[in-house]
Amino acid sequence: MAYDATKVSTGKPAKAGAIYRADLGATLPTNTSDALTGFTHLGYVSDAGVTNSNSPQSDTTKAWGGDIVLNLQTEKDDTWSFTLIEAMNDDVLKAVYGSSNVDTSGSETVISANSDDQADASWVIDMILKNGKLKRIVLPNAKITALGDIVYSDSDAIGYEITLSCVPDENGNTHYEYITK
């Protein structure tokens, strides 16, 4: 097999935005060019980008003498993490705290932080690869399952470090990836 440096790439955010969120039931895109109907753009993401942890875990069975004779997959979490840095974006606040916990009706945005369960949602991550190729990642059903510390300082942007945990859709898939050829 020959090596091919043209297949090496980085992932940069798409110019029109990189991360979008919609309520479950929104029409999911099935390629890199479908319009994102019902999705809300969540603004800038920190320069750390997006991280996907998608590794199976297994238990092993050993035979007498120590040989491993069986590897049994016990779970395969599919999580995504990133930090949203538009701290004054109402849509970011609604994604982080829940839509019903962010009131934008008056002259001030009022956030009610509580233990309400986060709603499942659909998420899309758009990026540009080398030579202008597009990559779109679709999470049909994911929930915020972790929120990092929110640091208020005069040297860094306020950010909401989010971890999304995916659950399988009706086809048993936790996410889809589309890349233009």
Foldseek 3Di string as FASTA:
>chain_A
DDDDPVPDKDWAADPVAFKWWAAQPFDDDDAQPDDRPRIDGLDDWDPVDKDWQWDWDWDFDADPVGHTDDTGTDDTWIKMKTKRQPPVDQVNLCQQQNVVQWDPPDPDIGGDHDDDAWHWIKMKGWTAIPPRKIKIKIFNTKTFPDWDDFDDDPPDGTITITMIIFAADPVGDRMDMHIDD
